[in-house]
Protein backbone atom coordinates (compact mmCIF):
# COMPACT_ATOMS: atom_id res chain seq x y z
CA MET A 1 0.05 -0.13 0.07
CA SER A 2 2.45 2.48 1.43
CA SER A 3 4.71 2.21 -2.39
CA THR A 4 1.54 2.81 -3.97
CA VAL A 5 1.07 6.63 -3.79
CA PRO A 6 4.40 7.73 -5.05
CA SER A 7 4.39 5.21 -7.54
CA VAL A 8 1.27 6.73 -8.80
CA ALA A 9 2.62 10.37 -8.62
CA ALA A 10 5.73 9.62 -9.90
CA GLN A 11 4.09 8.61 -12.92
CA VAL A 12 1.82 11.59 -13.10
CA ALA A 13 4.28 13.88 -12.32
CA SER A 14 6.53 13.24 -15.27
CA PRO A 15 7.29 15.74 -17.98
CA ALA A 16 4.76 14.31 -20.76
CA TYR A 17 1.90 15.50 -18.49
CA ALA A 18 3.42 18.57 -17.06
CA ASN A 19 1.35 21.88 -18.28
CA SER A 20 2.48 25.34 -18.20
CA SER A 21 0.47 28.31 -17.03
CA THR A 22 1.24 32.39 -16.20
CA ALA A 23 0.92 33.62 -13.09
CA PRO A 24 -1.12 36.77 -12.58
CA GLY A 25 2.23 38.51 -12.10
CA GLY A 26 3.22 38.01 -15.84
CA HIS A 27 6.04 35.11 -14.29
CA SER A 28 5.86 31.80 -16.37
CA THR A 29 5.05 28.99 -13.84
CA HIS A 30 4.49 25.54 -13.46
CA ILE A 31 1.90 23.35 -12.00
CA THR A 32 1.88 19.53 -12.92
CA PRO A 33 -0.79 17.03 -12.72
CA GLY A 34 1.61 15.34 -10.39
CA GLU A 35 1.51 18.29 -7.64
CA ILE A 36 -1.99 18.58 -8.08
CA ALA A 37 -2.42 14.80 -7.57
CA THR A 38 -0.06 15.02 -4.45
CA GLY A 39 -2.96 17.58 -2.69
CA VAL A 40 -5.70 15.50 -3.73
CA VAL A 41 -4.31 12.21 -2.34
CA VAL A 42 -3.24 13.57 0.56
CA GLY A 43 -6.50 15.78 1.43
CA ARG A 44 -8.78 12.58 0.44
CA ALA A 45 -6.83 10.40 2.97
CA SER A 46 -6.89 12.50 5.81
CA GLU A 47 -10.54 13.00 5.16
CA TYR A 48 -11.14 9.47 5.03
CA PHE A 49 -8.95 8.35 8.16
CA ASP A 50 -11.42 10.76 9.96
CA PHE A 51 -14.22 8.70 8.28
CA PHE A 52 -12.99 5.41 9.14
CA VAL A 53 -12.06 5.84 12.73
CA TYR A 54 -15.70 7.25 13.38
CA ALA A 55 -16.78 4.44 11.37
CA ILE A 56 -15.27 1.86 13.35
CA ALA A 57 -15.61 3.09 16.58
CA SER A 58 -19.21 3.86 16.03
CA VAL A 59 -19.19 -0.87 15.89
CA LEU A 60 -16.65 -1.14 18.41
CA VAL A 61 -16.86 1.55 20.84
CA PHE A 62 -19.65 3.49 20.89
CA PRO A 63 -22.70 0.74 21.60
CA PHE A 64 -20.79 0.14 24.67
CA VAL A 65 -19.95 3.47 26.14
CA PHE A 66 -22.83 5.89 25.30
CA PHE A 67 -25.95 3.42 24.81
CA PRO A 68 -24.51 0.74 27.47
CA THR A 69 -28.49 0.27 28.74
CA GLU A 70 -29.34 -1.22 25.41
CA GLU A 71 -29.16 -4.71 24.16
CA ARG A 72 -26.01 -4.78 21.65
CA LEU A 73 -28.33 -5.08 18.61
CA ASP A 74 -30.10 -2.23 19.56
CA GLY A 75 -27.01 0.11 20.62
CA THR A 76 -25.12 -0.76 17.40
CA LEU A 77 -28.41 0.52 15.43
CA TYR A 78 -28.30 3.93 17.73
CA SER A 79 -24.92 4.34 16.68
CA PHE A 80 -25.37 4.15 13.25
CA VAL A 81 -28.09 6.36 13.40
CA ILE A 82 -25.58 9.08 14.16
CA PHE A 83 -23.14 7.84 11.68
CA ALA A 84 -25.31 8.81 9.43
CA PHE A 85 -25.99 12.58 10.25
CA ALA A 86 -22.60 13.41 8.85
CA PHE A 87 -23.63 12.64 5.46
CA ILE A 88 -27.36 14.31 6.02
CA ALA A 89 -25.02 17.40 7.21
CA ARG A 90 -22.00 17.56 4.31
CA PRO A 91 -24.83 19.00 1.63
CA PHE A 92 -25.44 21.84 4.01
CA GLY A 93 -21.87 22.13 4.78
CA THR A 94 -20.96 22.55 1.17
CA VAL A 95 -23.58 25.50 0.65
CA LEU A 96 -22.66 27.38 3.55
CA PHE A 97 -18.61 27.02 2.53
CA MET A 98 -19.61 28.02 -0.83
CA ALA A 99 -20.56 31.11 0.15
CA ILE A 100 -17.76 31.55 2.77
CA GLN A 101 -15.26 31.14 -0.38
CA ARG A 102 -17.21 33.72 -2.27
CA ARG A 103 -16.83 36.45 0.67
CA PHE A 104 -13.81 35.49 2.02
CA GLY A 105 -11.64 33.55 -0.11
CA ARG A 106 -11.02 29.76 -0.45
CA GLU A 107 -7.82 29.55 2.09
CA THR A 108 -10.12 31.07 4.65
CA LYS A 109 -12.74 28.39 3.76
CA LEU A 110 -10.15 25.49 3.60
CA THR A 111 -9.19 26.65 6.79
CA ILE A 112 -11.99 26.82 8.64
CA ALA A 113 -13.41 23.81 7.51
CA LEU A 114 -10.02 21.52 8.43
CA VAL A 115 -9.66 23.01 11.74
CA LEU A 116 -13.60 22.27 12.20
CA LEU A 117 -13.40 18.97 10.78
CA GLY A 118 -10.17 18.35 13.39
CA ALA A 119 -11.63 20.11 16.45
CA SER A 120 -15.11 18.00 16.20
CA THR A 121 -12.97 14.55 15.33
CA ALA A 122 -10.58 15.26 18.37
CA GLY A 123 -13.52 16.43 20.46
CA MET A 124 -15.38 13.23 20.52
CA ALA A 125 -11.88 11.78 21.75
CA PHE A 126 -12.85 13.92 25.06
CA LEU A 127 -16.17 13.12 25.03
CA PRO A 128 -17.55 11.91 28.52
CA THR A 129 -19.27 8.68 28.74
CA TYR A 130 -23.13 7.77 29.36
CA ALA A 131 -21.82 6.77 32.41
CA HIS A 132 -20.81 10.33 33.44
CA LEU A 133 -22.82 12.25 31.68
CA GLY A 134 -26.11 10.58 30.66
CA PHE A 135 -27.86 11.31 27.47
CA THR A 136 -25.76 14.38 27.05
CA SER A 137 -23.04 12.65 25.97
CA ILE A 138 -24.83 11.16 23.26
CA VAL A 139 -26.14 14.87 22.34
CA LEU A 140 -22.54 15.70 21.98
CA LEU A 141 -21.75 12.90 20.40
CA SER A 142 -24.42 13.98 17.50
CA LEU A 143 -23.36 17.51 17.66
CA PHE A 144 -19.82 16.51 16.49
CA ARG A 145 -21.15 14.20 13.85
CA VAL A 146 -22.82 16.87 12.33
CA ALA A 147 -20.04 18.82 12.74
CA GLN A 148 -17.87 16.38 11.21
CA GLY A 149 -20.25 16.65 8.17
CA VAL A 150 -20.59 19.91 7.55
CA ALA A 151 -16.56 20.41 7.64
CA LEU A 152 -16.58 17.76 5.13
CA GLY A 153 -18.52 19.42 2.73
CA GLY A 154 -16.70 22.90 3.16
CA SER A 155 -13.34 20.97 2.72
CA TRP A 156 -13.64 20.86 -1.29
CA ASP A 157 -11.11 22.60 -2.56
CA GLY A 158 -11.46 21.83 -6.67
CA LEU A 159 -8.28 19.94 -6.87
CA PRO A 160 -10.17 16.91 -8.56
CA SER A 161 -12.02 18.80 -10.70
CA LEU A 162 -9.20 20.59 -11.55
CA LEU A 163 -6.47 17.30 -11.99
CA ALA A 164 -9.69 15.82 -14.29
CA LEU A 165 -9.37 19.29 -16.56
CA LYS A 166 -5.46 19.42 -17.36
CA ALA A 167 -5.54 15.41 -17.81
CA PRO A 168 -4.61 14.14 -21.30
CA GLU A 169 -7.86 13.21 -23.17
CA ASP A 170 -6.59 9.69 -23.52
CA ARG A 171 -5.82 9.40 -19.60
CA ARG A 172 -8.71 10.81 -18.03
CA GLY A 173 -9.67 7.56 -16.58
CA TRP A 174 -6.04 7.43 -14.91
CA TYR A 175 -6.69 10.80 -13.39
CA ALA A 176 -9.75 10.36 -12.12
CA MET A 177 -8.85 7.54 -10.11
CA LEU A 178 -6.04 9.51 -8.13
CA GLY A 179 -8.49 10.56 -5.59
CA GLN A 180 -10.04 7.50 -4.60
CA LEU A 181 -7.11 6.23 -3.38
CA GLY A 182 -7.43 7.76 -0.38
CA ALA A 183 -10.32 5.75 0.87
CA PRO A 184 -8.09 2.81 1.10
CA LEU A 185 -5.30 4.71 2.69
CA GLY A 186 -7.30 6.10 4.88
CA PHE A 187 -9.32 2.72 5.99
CA VAL A 188 -5.86 0.78 6.30
CA VAL A 189 -4.36 3.15 8.59
CA ALA A 190 -7.36 3.71 10.93
CA ALA A 191 -7.95 -0.24 10.80
CA GLY A 192 -4.58 -0.86 11.75
CA LEU A 193 -5.01 1.33 14.65
CA PHE A 194 -7.53 -0.14 15.87
CA ALA A 195 -6.38 -3.65 15.35
CA PHE A 196 -3.06 -2.62 17.45
CA LEU A 197 -5.17 -1.36 20.37
CA LEU A 198 -7.06 -4.46 20.28
CA GLY A 199 -4.60 -6.59 20.25
CA ASN A 200 -2.48 -5.01 22.75
CA LEU A 201 -4.83 -3.53 25.63
CA ALA A 202 -7.32 -5.25 27.74
CA SER A 203 -10.98 -4.56 26.83
CA ASP A 204 -11.88 -2.60 29.97
CA ASP A 205 -8.61 -0.15 29.11
CA PHE A 206 -9.82 -0.02 25.19
CA LEU A 207 -13.35 1.12 26.43
CA GLU A 208 -12.15 3.27 29.20
CA TRP A 209 -9.31 5.49 27.12
CA GLY A 210 -7.69 3.28 24.27
CA TRP A 211 -10.50 4.10 21.73
CA ARG A 212 -9.74 7.63 22.07
CA TYR A 213 -6.14 7.45 20.65
CA PRO A 214 -7.30 7.35 17.30
CA PHE A 215 -9.00 10.47 17.15
CA TYR A 216 -6.04 12.37 18.93
CA VAL A 217 -4.23 10.47 15.52
CA ALA A 218 -6.91 11.98 13.42
CA PHE A 219 -6.75 15.37 14.73
CA ALA A 220 -2.60 15.18 14.18
CA ILE A 221 -2.99 14.29 10.56
CA ASN A 222 -5.95 16.92 9.89
CA VAL A 223 -3.30 19.56 10.88
CA VAL A 224 -0.42 18.17 8.25
CA ALA A 225 -2.99 18.03 5.73
CA LEU A 226 -4.55 21.36 6.14
CA PHE A 227 -0.50 22.71 5.63
CA ALA A 228 -0.10 20.31 2.85
CA ARG A 229 -3.29 21.52 0.93
CA LEU A 230 -2.72 25.04 1.77
CA ARG A 231 0.67 25.24 0.11
CA LEU A 232 -1.01 24.58 -2.93
CA VAL A 233 -4.21 26.00 -2.99
CA SER A 234 -2.72 29.24 -1.50
CA THR A 235 -0.26 29.66 -4.48
CA ASP A 236 -1.35 32.76 -7.00
CA GLU A 237 -0.44 29.70 -9.78
CA TYR A 238 -3.22 27.61 -8.54
CA SER A 239 -5.61 30.25 -7.97
CA HIS A 240 -4.89 31.48 -11.79
CA LEU A 241 -5.50 27.75 -13.22
CA LEU A 242 -9.04 27.84 -11.05
CA GLU A 243 -9.91 30.95 -12.60
CA GLU A 244 -8.83 29.96 -16.03
CA ARG A 245 -11.01 27.11 -15.85
CA GLU A 246 -13.96 28.62 -14.41
CA LEU A 247 -13.42 26.68 -11.36
CA GLU A 248 -15.51 28.81 -9.19
CA PRO A 249 -18.49 28.34 -6.84
CA THR A 250 -21.70 29.43 -8.05
CA SER A 251 -25.17 29.74 -6.86
CA VAL A 252 -26.27 26.45 -5.62
CA VAL A 253 -29.99 27.79 -6.47
CA GLU A 254 -28.69 28.84 -9.94
CA MET A 255 -26.40 25.25 -10.28
CA THR A 256 -29.59 23.40 -9.33
CA ARG A 257 -31.98 25.16 -11.83
CA SER A 258 -29.87 25.02 -14.50
CA GLN A 259 -27.89 21.48 -13.83
CA GLY A 260 -29.92 19.63 -11.24
CA ARG A 261 -30.69 16.47 -13.51
CA ASN A 262 -26.89 16.19 -13.99
CA VAL A 263 -26.12 16.38 -9.86
CA LEU A 264 -28.96 13.58 -9.65
CA ILE A 265 -27.57 11.44 -12.38
CA GLY A 266 -24.23 12.00 -11.12
CA ALA A 267 -25.07 10.39 -7.34
CA LEU A 268 -27.31 7.82 -9.12
CA ALA A 269 -24.28 6.89 -11.41
CA ALA A 270 -22.41 5.58 -8.11
CA LEU A 271 -24.74 4.18 -6.21
CA ALA A 272 -23.33 0.55 -6.66
CA SER A 273 -19.99 2.08 -5.73
CA TYR A 274 -20.96 3.91 -2.59
CA ALA A 275 -23.53 0.92 -1.63
CA LEU A 276 -20.90 -1.67 -1.64
CA PHE A 277 -18.49 0.86 0.13
CA HIS A 278 -20.55 0.14 3.53
CA LEU A 279 -21.52 -3.14 3.04
CA VAL A 280 -17.58 -4.43 3.01
CA THR A 281 -16.38 -2.20 5.64
CA VAL A 282 -18.30 -1.02 8.37
CA PHE A 283 -21.44 -3.56 7.84
CA PRO A 284 -19.42 -6.82 8.25
CA LEU A 285 -17.57 -5.63 11.39
CA SER A 286 -21.02 -4.63 13.39
CA TRP A 287 -22.24 -8.46 11.77
CA ILE A 288 -19.12 -10.29 12.58
CA THR A 289 -18.85 -8.23 16.64
CA LEU A 290 -22.67 -9.40 17.11
CA TYR A 291 -23.10 -12.94 15.85
CA SER A 292 -19.29 -14.44 15.51
CA GLU A 293 -16.56 -15.76 17.87
CA ARG A 294 -13.88 -14.22 15.31
CA SER A 295 -11.48 -12.32 16.84
CA ILE A 296 -12.34 -8.28 15.89
CA SER A 297 -8.33 -7.60 15.52
CA ASP A 298 -7.64 -10.56 13.14
CA PHE A 299 -10.79 -9.57 10.93
CA LEU A 300 -9.61 -6.15 11.03
CA GLY A 301 -6.45 -7.38 9.57
CA VAL A 302 -8.57 -9.30 6.62
CA GLN A 303 -10.24 -6.04 5.91
CA MET A 304 -6.89 -4.13 5.37
CA TRP A 305 -5.56 -7.08 3.10
CA GLY A 306 -9.05 -6.55 1.45
CA ALA A 307 -8.24 -2.54 1.36
CA CYS A 308 -5.22 -3.07 -0.28
CA LEU A 309 -6.72 -5.27 -2.88
CA ALA A 310 -8.93 -2.33 -3.46
CA ALA A 311 -6.11 0.05 -4.14
CA VAL A 312 -4.74 -2.40 -6.39
CA GLY A 313 -8.24 -2.48 -8.27
CA ILE A 314 -8.51 1.47 -8.05
CA VAL A 315 -5.45 1.62 -10.29
CA VAL A 316 -6.53 -0.85 -12.58
CA SER A 317 -9.29 0.98 -13.09
CA GLY A 318 -8.16 4.03 -14.57
CA LEU A 319 -6.02 1.81 -17.35
CA VAL A 320 -9.45 0.07 -18.09
CA ALA A 321 -11.51 3.30 -17.97
CA ASP A 322 -8.90 4.98 -20.45
CA ARG A 323 -9.07 1.84 -23.01
CA PHE A 324 -12.73 0.97 -22.81
CA GLY A 325 -14.31 3.95 -21.50
CA ARG A 326 -15.54 5.11 -17.75
CA ARG A 327 -18.98 4.21 -18.27
CA THR A 328 -18.70 1.11 -19.94
CA THR A 329 -16.51 0.38 -16.90
CA LEU A 330 -18.42 1.39 -14.10
CA GLY A 331 -21.55 -0.45 -15.94
CA THR A 332 -19.81 -3.46 -16.35
CA LEU A 333 -18.73 -3.40 -12.88
CA ALA A 334 -22.43 -2.47 -11.52
CA ALA A 335 -23.23 -5.62 -13.48
CA LEU A 336 -20.61 -7.74 -11.79
CA ILE A 337 -21.73 -6.12 -8.13
CA ALA A 338 -24.95 -7.19 -9.02
CA VAL A 339 -23.93 -11.01 -9.57
CA PHE A 340 -22.05 -10.35 -6.33
CA SER A 341 -24.79 -9.37 -4.17
CA GLY A 342 -26.80 -12.91 -5.18
CA PHE A 343 -23.97 -14.79 -2.99
CA ALA A 344 -23.50 -12.37 -0.63
CA PRO A 345 -25.31 -13.85 2.13
CA SER A 346 -23.89 -17.50 1.50
CA LEU A 347 -20.40 -15.85 1.82
CA MET A 348 -21.43 -14.15 4.88
CA ASP A 349 -23.19 -17.15 6.26
CA GLY A 350 -20.15 -19.61 5.74
CA GLY A 351 -18.03 -19.21 8.22
CA VAL A 352 -14.35 -18.00 8.49
CA TRP A 353 -13.88 -19.15 4.84
CA GLY A 354 -16.90 -17.55 3.49
CA GLN A 355 -16.53 -14.34 5.24
CA ASN A 356 -12.72 -13.49 4.20
CA VAL A 357 -13.94 -14.21 0.36
CA PHE A 358 -16.92 -12.20 0.49
CA ILE A 359 -13.99 -9.02 1.97
CA LEU A 360 -11.40 -9.57 -0.22
CA LEU A 361 -13.86 -10.25 -3.35
CA GLY A 362 -16.22 -7.26 -2.20
CA PHE A 363 -13.20 -4.88 -2.03
CA SER A 364 -11.79 -5.75 -5.07
CA LEU A 365 -14.78 -5.22 -6.77
CA LEU A 366 -15.42 -2.07 -4.90
CA GLY A 367 -11.85 -0.40 -5.85
CA LEU A 368 -12.42 -1.45 -9.69
CA SER A 369 -15.78 0.54 -9.62
CA TYR A 370 -15.12 3.36 -6.72
CA GLY A 371 -11.84 4.08 -8.44
CA GLN A 372 -14.37 5.76 -11.45
CA ALA A 373 -17.08 6.75 -9.61
CA SER A 374 -16.14 10.42 -9.11
CA GLY A 375 -15.30 11.19 -12.58
CA ALA A 376 -18.49 9.12 -14.19
CA VAL A 377 -20.75 11.64 -15.08
CA THR A 378 -19.56 15.16 -13.48
CA ALA A 379 -17.99 16.09 -16.93
CA ASN A 380 -21.53 16.63 -17.71
CA PHE A 381 -21.13 20.18 -15.70
CA SER A 382 -20.25 22.70 -17.95
CA ALA A 383 -17.34 24.75 -16.72
CA ARG A 384 -19.54 27.51 -14.98
CA TYR A 385 -21.22 25.14 -12.83
CA ARG A 386 -18.21 22.31 -12.46
CA TYR A 387 -16.87 23.29 -8.98
CA THR A 388 -20.23 23.50 -7.46
CA GLY A 389 -21.48 20.82 -8.93
CA ALA A 390 -19.19 18.38 -8.48
CA ALA A 391 -19.26 19.12 -4.49
CA LEU A 392 -22.91 18.74 -4.52
CA THR A 393 -22.77 15.68 -6.65
CA ALA A 394 -20.32 13.60 -4.04
CA ASP A 395 -22.37 14.60 -1.26
CA LEU A 396 -25.79 13.49 -2.83
CA ALA A 397 -23.75 10.12 -3.80
CA TRP A 398 -23.04 9.54 -0.31
CA LEU A 399 -26.24 10.71 1.34
CA VAL A 400 -28.38 8.15 -1.42
CA GLY A 401 -25.74 5.39 -1.47
CA ALA A 402 -24.11 5.08 1.81
CA ALA A 403 -25.51 6.98 4.45
CA PHE A 404 -27.93 4.29 5.79
CA ALA A 405 -26.49 1.47 4.22
CA PRO A 406 -25.13 -0.11 7.62
CA LEU A 407 -27.97 0.77 9.55
CA VAL A 408 -30.52 -0.62 7.17
CA ALA A 409 -27.97 -3.50 6.13
CA LEU A 410 -27.73 -4.37 10.00
CA GLY A 411 -31.23 -4.10 10.61
CA LEU A 412 -32.88 -5.99 8.07
CA SER A 413 -30.16 -8.81 8.52
CA ALA A 414 -30.80 -9.00 11.87
CA HIS A 415 -34.36 -9.15 11.60
CA PHE A 416 -35.15 -10.87 8.21
CA GLY A 417 -31.83 -12.93 7.18
CA LEU A 418 -28.83 -12.07 5.40
CA ALA A 419 -30.79 -12.43 2.17
CA TYR A 420 -31.62 -8.30 2.73
CA VAL A 421 -28.02 -7.68 1.89
CA SER A 422 -28.51 -8.91 -1.70
CA VAL A 423 -31.63 -6.74 -2.14
CA TYR A 424 -29.44 -3.67 -0.73
CA LEU A 425 -26.77 -4.22 -3.15
CA LEU A 426 -29.19 -4.96 -6.03
CA SER A 427 -30.83 -2.05 -6.01
CA GLY A 428 -27.55 -0.19 -5.87
CA ALA A 429 -26.27 -1.95 -9.10
CA LEU A 430 -29.62 -1.24 -11.00
CA GLY A 431 -29.92 2.41 -9.88
CA THR A 432 -26.16 2.68 -11.35
CA LEU A 433 -26.89 1.03 -14.80
CA ALA A 434 -30.37 3.44 -14.96
CA ALA A 435 -28.33 6.48 -14.06
CA LEU A 436 -25.66 5.47 -16.84
CA SER A 437 -28.23 4.78 -19.40
CA VAL A 438 -29.99 7.99 -18.98
CA ASN A 439 -26.72 9.71 -19.40
CA ARG A 440 -25.63 8.38 -22.61
CA ALA A 441 -29.31 9.41 -23.78
CA LEU A 442 -28.50 12.71 -22.65
CA GLU A 443 -24.84 13.02 -24.35
CA GLY A 444 -26.45 11.72 -27.55
CA ARG A 445 -28.90 14.67 -27.75
CA GLY A 446 -25.24 17.19 -27.24
């Protein structure tokens, strides 16, 4: 995993892909796709680390320390309700911070957003438990989770859109997958931390103080990511490139009125990927915790191997998409996810071997599909609306496809059987295929 990002950055930073621009001062400068790619990967990896630290804690920690009076299943389901709050809040954060950027500039917006993200994540590390503060502790956890969502919406910096627009036509699939590498990177680090703590601490110590450590680390990583991204975003060259490409925030009302169909189609086109996202990360961890005797740290290890396969799949998706087209790639993967959904119940109920196959195969499909999910339809936006449209499309995709996936999958499976995991995945795959079909029709009309 650790060698994947440098090799990718090295390829995209090669002179063949360098582009020149002229800064406002009139001197010739160079911002290469490699530099933009580094900012994209660093930014997304830090955000996904925060995301997965909370996701894993919502299974392994929060049912015990914030819902101790509930049955374990109910406590986990309540935890997943709060888990969804960030995805509900994210579009509001996008709208709010777009307004801040128009008024005060992108550096101010990004600084406030990442400080808020780090503060809300670190704040969870200091939360009193239900035993100390009662229901107020749950309210505070919910508020911090909403703040995370608002901050994630505000952390959009336009780098993926700029990278896509500067990519050579025959390399767009390759460039589209770069930002997606942040997901497996963030998961491996977060899962590794929790696996280490679980394997080296007594259960009481882990639930008393050990679980708080990853949240401290998340704050530190956010600080590093903030400076790494500001180093690029605050330059005159970067500002000039954004203005040259018209990558500036527009009125959300105007953008929705003009580009609402593209936003909706973009979100649905990624539905299969986002549905699968939580059904191989958060849901199986909760199922194993509740209904299996397996070692949780060992299972996290299997998921980390799965994330490595996902990273490989993301890279491969770039090569495949450049050969066959991004929409063809997404459509084929959606069909494969639909097939995979039919085997999901028997694999999850198939003991250690079946569960491992589910995780490794699921992560592989996720990487291949998720690698192109972000760039499949955002290209439909005209330059004027691309900055805001790409952000809102991502927000809606997460909300529709992923926000309630752990809650719905665990709730239905626990009460009615694992077959409902198949139904959820299948619905996501069908949504993707339908959206891609509509998208081709729109393109045909020019």
